[in-house]
Amino acid sequence: MLIEWMKHHPTLAQDPVEGYDPDAVTVSETVAIAAPARVVWQVLTDMPRYNEWNPFCVRAESTLEMGAPVHMKLVNYAAFGSLVPNCEYICANDTDRMLSWSLPNTDFWPYPARRDQVIEATGDASCTYFSTDAFLGANGIHVFRFAGPWIKRAFDDSGQALKVRAEALYALEQGA
């Protein structure tokens, strides 16, 4: 599943440090949600409440402004029972459509990546949601091979939980 930025980002051949490799991308299942895109967006951007619904990212803090840090506590799907601190940076914030953050390449952590959460309206009271994690640069394929399967599971679990949360909030909004 190609997202617009992927079509224009330097390739791995053009940029071995942060280039895009289509073989190093984890893609979640696409979830159909019986709620408007704006409700799903409301859930995704209400970070103080992630612990109420998100089985993977149990804590998140950010202003959601471009370049702002996103401080997270993630359930370690590779070693259940532990949490992993993580900090990435907002790189896309398109209301009701896409929320993204990225991890830059550094000398300390040479594993750049970009996470996109995509909402696509399918009607006035329905949408779909999916998430990707693109592991960038020459090290990306190794991260993908190691972590891709458990990250997919975490993203699938989060997508299903997002569906439940958004549909419940929309039902309350409708007075059901």
C-alpha atoms as a PDB file:
ATOM      1  CA  MET A   1       0.000   0.000   0.000  1.00  0.00           C
ATOM      2  CA  LEU A   2       1.730   3.184  -1.158  1.00  0.00           C
ATOM      3  CA  ILE A   3       1.214   6.433   0.673  1.00  0.00           C
ATOM      4  CA  GLU A   4       1.906   9.634  -1.254  1.00  0.00           C
ATOM      5  CA  TRP A   5       5.203  10.427   0.513  1.00  0.00           C
ATOM      6  CA  MET A   6       6.525   6.970  -0.455  1.00  0.00           C
ATOM      7  CA  LYS A   7       6.139   7.807  -4.154  1.00  0.00           C
ATOM      8  CA  HIS A   8       8.436  10.840  -3.848  1.00  0.00           C
ATOM      9  CA  HIS A   9      10.865   9.903  -1.079  1.00  0.00           C
ATOM     10  CA  PRO A  10      14.460   9.153  -2.126  1.00  0.00           C
ATOM     11  CA  THR A  11      14.975   5.453  -2.753  1.00  0.00           C
ATOM     12  CA  LEU A  12      17.423   3.293  -0.881  1.00  0.00           C
ATOM     13  CA  ALA A  13      19.764   3.503  -3.892  1.00  0.00           C
ATOM     14  CA  GLN A  14      19.585   7.308  -3.815  1.00  0.00           C
ATOM     15  CA  ASP A  15      19.960   7.604  -0.022  1.00  0.00           C
ATOM     16  CA  PRO A  16      21.402   4.574   1.811  1.00  0.00           C
ATOM     17  CA  VAL A  17      20.935   6.308   5.191  1.00  0.00           C
ATOM     18  CA  GLU A  18      17.226   7.262   5.047  1.00  0.00           C
ATOM     19  CA  GLY A  19      16.047   6.010   1.654  1.00  0.00           C
ATOM     20  CA  TYR A  20      12.724   4.238   1.176  1.00  0.00           C
ATOM     21  CA  ASP A  21      12.774   0.473   0.576  1.00  0.00           C
ATOM     22  CA  PRO A  22       9.350  -0.937  -0.419  1.00  0.00           C
ATOM     23  CA  ASP A  23      10.456  -4.337   0.902  1.00  0.00           C
ATOM     24  CA  ALA A  24      10.911  -2.949   4.441  1.00  0.00           C
ATOM     25  CA  VAL A  25       7.367  -1.778   5.231  1.00  0.00           C
ATOM     26  CA  THR A  26       4.954  -3.310   7.719  1.00  0.00           C
ATOM     27  CA  VAL A  27       1.306  -2.760   6.748  1.00  0.00           C
ATOM     28  CA  SER A  28      -1.578  -3.449   9.104  1.00  0.00           C
ATOM     29  CA  GLU A  29      -4.872  -4.902   8.066  1.00  0.00           C
ATOM     30  CA  THR A  30      -7.373  -2.328   6.825  1.00  0.00           C
ATOM     31  CA  VAL A  31     -10.211  -1.969   9.308  1.00  0.00           C
ATOM     32  CA  ALA A  32     -13.710  -0.816   8.312  1.00  0.00           C
ATOM     33  CA  ILE A  33     -15.108   1.480  10.989  1.00  0.00           C
ATOM     34  CA  ALA A  34     -18.799   2.388  11.357  1.00  0.00           C
ATOM     35  CA  ALA A  35     -18.040   5.937  12.460  1.00  0.00           C
ATOM     36  CA  PRO A  36     -17.096   9.132  10.628  1.00  0.00           C
ATOM     37  CA  ALA A  37     -13.440   9.884   9.952  1.00  0.00           C
ATOM     38  CA  ARG A  38     -13.676  12.858  12.339  1.00  0.00           C
ATOM     39  CA  VAL A  39     -14.515  10.506  15.245  1.00  0.00           C
ATOM     40  CA  VAL A  40     -11.593   8.225  14.438  1.00  0.00           C
ATOM     41  CA  TRP A  41      -9.373  11.306  14.243  1.00  0.00           C
ATOM     42  CA  GLN A  42     -10.679  12.434  17.628  1.00  0.00           C
ATOM     43  CA  VAL A  43      -9.646   9.095  19.152  1.00  0.00           C
ATOM     44  CA  LEU A  44      -6.190   9.129  17.505  1.00  0.00           C
ATOM     45  CA  THR A  45      -5.427  12.660  18.636  1.00  0.00           C
ATOM     46  CA  ASP A  46      -6.692  12.224  22.223  1.00  0.00           C
ATOM     47  CA  MET A  47      -3.354  10.868  23.356  1.00  0.00           C
ATOM     48  CA  PRO A  48      -3.958  11.173  27.122  1.00  0.00           C
ATOM     49  CA  ARG A  49      -6.642   8.469  26.714  1.00  0.00           C
ATOM     50  CA  TYR A  50      -4.571   5.944  24.747  1.00  0.00           C
ATOM     51  CA  ASN A  51      -4.303   3.803  27.864  1.00  0.00           C
ATOM     52  CA  GLU A  52      -8.101   3.393  27.806  1.00  0.00           C
ATOM     53  CA  TRP A  53      -8.191   1.650  24.444  1.00  0.00           C
ATOM     54  CA  ASN A  54      -4.819   1.077  22.754  1.00  0.00           C
ATOM     55  CA  PRO A  55      -3.283  -2.351  23.538  1.00  0.00           C
ATOM     56  CA  PHE A  56       0.100  -1.430  22.006  1.00  0.00           C
ATOM     57  CA  CYS A  57       0.727   2.241  22.771  1.00  0.00           C
ATOM     58  CA  VAL A  58      -0.436   2.516  26.361  1.00  0.00           C
ATOM     59  CA  ARG A  59       0.840   6.047  26.893  1.00  0.00           C
ATOM     60  CA  ALA A  60       1.403   8.916  24.482  1.00  0.00           C
ATOM     61  CA  GLU A  61       2.121  12.603  24.917  1.00  0.00           C
ATOM     62  CA  SER A  62       2.520  15.228  22.207  1.00  0.00           C
ATOM     63  CA  THR A  63       1.289  18.623  21.102  1.00  0.00           C
ATOM     64  CA  LEU A  64       0.891  17.035  17.634  1.00  0.00           C
ATOM     65  CA  GLU A  65       2.479  20.099  16.025  1.00  0.00           C
ATOM     66  CA  MET A  66       4.826  19.465  13.094  1.00  0.00           C
ATOM     67  CA  GLY A  67       8.215  18.409  14.462  1.00  0.00           C
ATOM     68  CA  ALA A  68       6.903  17.942  18.007  1.00  0.00           C
ATOM     69  CA  PRO A  69       8.056  14.883  19.930  1.00  0.00           C
ATOM     70  CA  VAL A  70       5.662  12.018  20.588  1.00  0.00           C
ATOM     71  CA  HIS A  71       6.704  10.377  23.856  1.00  0.00           C
ATOM     72  CA  MET A  72       5.277   6.865  24.066  1.00  0.00           C
ATOM     73  CA  LYS A  73       5.263   3.751  26.212  1.00  0.00           C
ATOM     74  CA  LEU A  74       4.818   0.703  23.988  1.00  0.00           C
ATOM     75  CA  VAL A  75       3.970  -2.843  24.983  1.00  0.00           C
ATOM     76  CA  ASN A  76       6.904  -4.988  23.968  1.00  0.00           C
ATOM     77  CA  TYR A  77       5.303  -7.628  21.746  1.00  0.00           C
ATOM     78  CA  ALA A  78       8.679  -9.393  21.540  1.00  0.00           C
ATOM     79  CA  ALA A  79       8.871  -9.725  25.355  1.00  0.00           C
ATOM     80  CA  PHE A  80       5.396  -9.526  26.890  1.00  0.00           C
ATOM     81  CA  GLY A  81       5.152  -7.971  30.318  1.00  0.00           C
ATOM     82  CA  SER A  82       7.530  -5.144  29.554  1.00  0.00           C
ATOM     83  CA  LEU A  83       7.114  -1.626  28.225  1.00  0.00           C
ATOM     84  CA  VAL A  84       9.479   0.156  25.872  1.00  0.00           C
ATOM     85  CA  PRO A  85       9.912   3.935  25.957  1.00  0.00           C
ATOM     86  CA  ASN A  86       9.922   5.503  22.522  1.00  0.00           C
ATOM     87  CA  CYS A  87      10.163   9.025  21.170  1.00  0.00           C
ATOM     88  CA  GLU A  88       9.408   9.946  17.580  1.00  0.00           C
ATOM     89  CA  TYR A  89       8.521  13.231  15.885  1.00  0.00           C
ATOM     90  CA  ILE A  90       5.373  14.428  14.127  1.00  0.00           C
ATOM     91  CA  CYS A  91       5.959  14.572  10.365  1.00  0.00           C
ATOM     92  CA  ALA A  92       2.349  14.675   9.058  1.00  0.00           C
ATOM     93  CA  ASN A  93      -0.841  15.927  10.633  1.00  0.00           C
ATOM     94  CA  ASP A  94      -3.657  16.050   8.094  1.00  0.00           C
ATOM     95  CA  THR A  95      -6.911  16.430  10.030  1.00  0.00           C
ATOM     96  CA  ASP A  96      -9.300  13.488   9.638  1.00  0.00           C
ATOM     97  CA  ARG A  97      -6.926  11.792   7.158  1.00  0.00           C
ATOM     98  CA  MET A  98      -3.415  11.010   8.403  1.00  0.00           C
ATOM     99  CA  LEU A  99      -1.289  11.244  11.522  1.00  0.00           C
ATOM    100  CA  SER A 100       2.388  10.334  11.171  1.00  0.00           C
ATOM    101  CA  TRP A 101       5.564  10.383  13.167  1.00  0.00           C
ATOM    102  CA  SER A 102       9.105   9.453  12.347  1.00  0.00           C
ATOM    103  CA  LEU A 103      12.296   8.352  13.987  1.00  0.00           C
ATOM    104  CA  PRO A 104      15.324  10.110  12.496  1.00  0.00           C
ATOM    105  CA  ASN A 105      18.664   8.463  11.846  1.00  0.00           C
ATOM    106  CA  THR A 106      21.223   9.256  14.539  1.00  0.00           C
ATOM    107  CA  ASP A 107      24.705   8.002  15.376  1.00  0.00           C
ATOM    108  CA  PHE A 108      23.225   6.507  18.555  1.00  0.00           C
ATOM    109  CA  TRP A 109      20.249   4.854  16.781  1.00  0.00           C
ATOM    110  CA  PRO A 110      20.859   4.311  13.040  1.00  0.00           C
ATOM    111  CA  TYR A 111      17.372   2.888  12.405  1.00  0.00           C
ATOM    112  CA  PRO A 112      15.206   5.622  10.857  1.00  0.00           C
ATOM    113  CA  ALA A 113      11.524   4.856  10.356  1.00  0.00           C
ATOM    114  CA  ARG A 114       8.181   6.463   9.636  1.00  0.00           C
ATOM    115  CA  ARG A 115       4.773   5.450  11.009  1.00  0.00           C
ATOM    116  CA  ASP A 116       1.642   6.534   9.166  1.00  0.00           C
ATOM    117  CA  GLN A 117      -1.911   6.118  10.429  1.00  0.00           C
ATOM    118  CA  VAL A 118      -4.314   6.605   7.540  1.00  0.00           C
ATOM    119  CA  ILE A 119      -8.052   7.274   7.718  1.00  0.00           C
ATOM    120  CA  GLU A 120     -10.105   7.178   4.522  1.00  0.00           C
ATOM    121  CA  ALA A 121     -13.725   8.328   4.631  1.00  0.00           C
ATOM    122  CA  THR A 122     -16.056   5.871   2.888  1.00  0.00           C
ATOM    123  CA  GLY A 123     -19.295   7.705   3.711  1.00  0.00           C
ATOM    124  CA  ASP A 124     -20.784  10.238   6.107  1.00  0.00           C
ATOM    125  CA  ALA A 125     -20.669   7.748   8.983  1.00  0.00           C
ATOM    126  CA  SER A 126     -17.976   5.285   7.893  1.00  0.00           C
ATOM    127  CA  CYS A 127     -14.292   5.083   7.127  1.00  0.00           C
ATOM    128  CA  THR A 128     -11.351   2.729   6.932  1.00  0.00           C
ATOM    129  CA  TYR A 129      -8.119   2.804   8.886  1.00  0.00           C
ATOM    130  CA  PHE A 130      -4.712   1.263   8.350  1.00  0.00           C
ATOM    131  CA  SER A 131      -1.221   1.842   9.625  1.00  0.00           C
ATOM    132  CA  THR A 132       2.228   1.426   8.121  1.00  0.00           C
ATOM    133  CA  ASP A 133       5.737   1.430   9.485  1.00  0.00           C
ATOM    134  CA  ALA A 134       8.432   2.055   6.876  1.00  0.00           C
ATOM    135  CA  PHE A 135      11.912   1.097   8.046  1.00  0.00           C
ATOM    136  CA  LEU A 136      14.281   3.348   6.161  1.00  0.00           C
ATOM    137  CA  GLY A 137      17.869   3.163   5.002  1.00  0.00           C
ATOM    138  CA  ALA A 138      20.190   0.218   4.568  1.00  0.00           C
ATOM    139  CA  ASN A 139      19.422  -1.064   8.082  1.00  0.00           C
ATOM    140  CA  GLY A 140      15.677  -0.973   7.447  1.00  0.00           C
ATOM    141  CA  ILE A 141      15.393  -4.429   5.930  1.00  0.00           C
ATOM    142  CA  HIS A 142      17.055  -5.966   8.999  1.00  0.00           C
ATOM    143  CA  VAL A 143      14.678  -4.162  11.359  1.00  0.00           C
ATOM    144  CA  PHE A 144      11.748  -5.240   9.179  1.00  0.00           C
ATOM    145  CA  ARG A 145      12.816  -8.895   9.227  1.00  0.00           C
ATOM    146  CA  PHE A 146      13.309  -8.864  12.992  1.00  0.00           C
ATOM    147  CA  ALA A 147      10.417  -6.688  14.134  1.00  0.00           C
ATOM    148  CA  GLY A 148       7.976  -6.614  11.208  1.00  0.00           C
ATOM    149  CA  PRO A 149       5.821  -9.584  12.287  1.00  0.00           C
ATOM    150  CA  TRP A 150       5.260  -8.432  15.862  1.00  0.00           C
ATOM    151  CA  ILE A 151       4.791  -4.813  14.776  1.00  0.00           C
ATOM    152  CA  LYS A 152       2.106  -5.958  12.328  1.00  0.00           C
ATOM    153  CA  ARG A 153       0.362  -7.804  15.160  1.00  0.00           C
ATOM    154  CA  ALA A 154       0.587  -4.707  17.385  1.00  0.00           C
ATOM    155  CA  PHE A 155      -0.794  -2.485  14.594  1.00  0.00           C
ATOM    156  CA  ASP A 156      -3.594  -4.968  13.811  1.00  0.00           C
ATOM    157  CA  ASP A 157      -4.526  -5.112  17.510  1.00  0.00           C
ATOM    158  CA  SER A 158      -4.488  -1.304  17.689  1.00  0.00           C
ATOM    159  CA  GLY A 159      -6.646  -0.978  14.562  1.00  0.00           C
ATOM    160  CA  GLN A 160      -9.275  -3.332  15.977  1.00  0.00           C
ATOM    161  CA  ALA A 161      -9.239  -1.486  19.309  1.00  0.00           C
ATOM    162  CA  LEU A 162      -9.552   1.853  17.487  1.00  0.00           C
ATOM    163  CA  LYS A 163     -12.603   0.499  15.676  1.00  0.00           C
ATOM    164  CA  VAL A 164     -14.265  -0.526  18.951  1.00  0.00           C
ATOM    165  CA  ARG A 165     -13.462   2.813  20.610  1.00  0.00           C
ATOM    166  CA  ALA A 166     -14.575   5.002  17.670  1.00  0.00           C
ATOM    167  CA  GLU A 167     -17.803   3.064  17.108  1.00  0.00           C
ATOM    168  CA  ALA A 168     -18.662   3.285  20.819  1.00  0.00           C
ATOM    169  CA  LEU A 169     -18.017   7.035  20.900  1.00  0.00           C
ATOM    170  CA  TYR A 170     -20.087   7.557  17.761  1.00  0.00           C
ATOM    171  CA  ALA A 171     -22.952   5.502  19.222  1.00  0.00           C
ATOM    172  CA  LEU A 172     -22.883   7.723  22.330  1.00  0.00           C
ATOM    173  CA  GLU A 173     -22.843  10.810  20.136  1.00  0.00           C
ATOM    174  CA  GLN A 174     -25.902   9.496  18.280  1.00  0.00           C
ATOM    175  CA  GLY A 175     -27.701   8.812  21.558  1.00  0.00           C
ATOM    176  CA  ALA A 176     -27.723   5.049  21.144  1.00  0.00           C
END
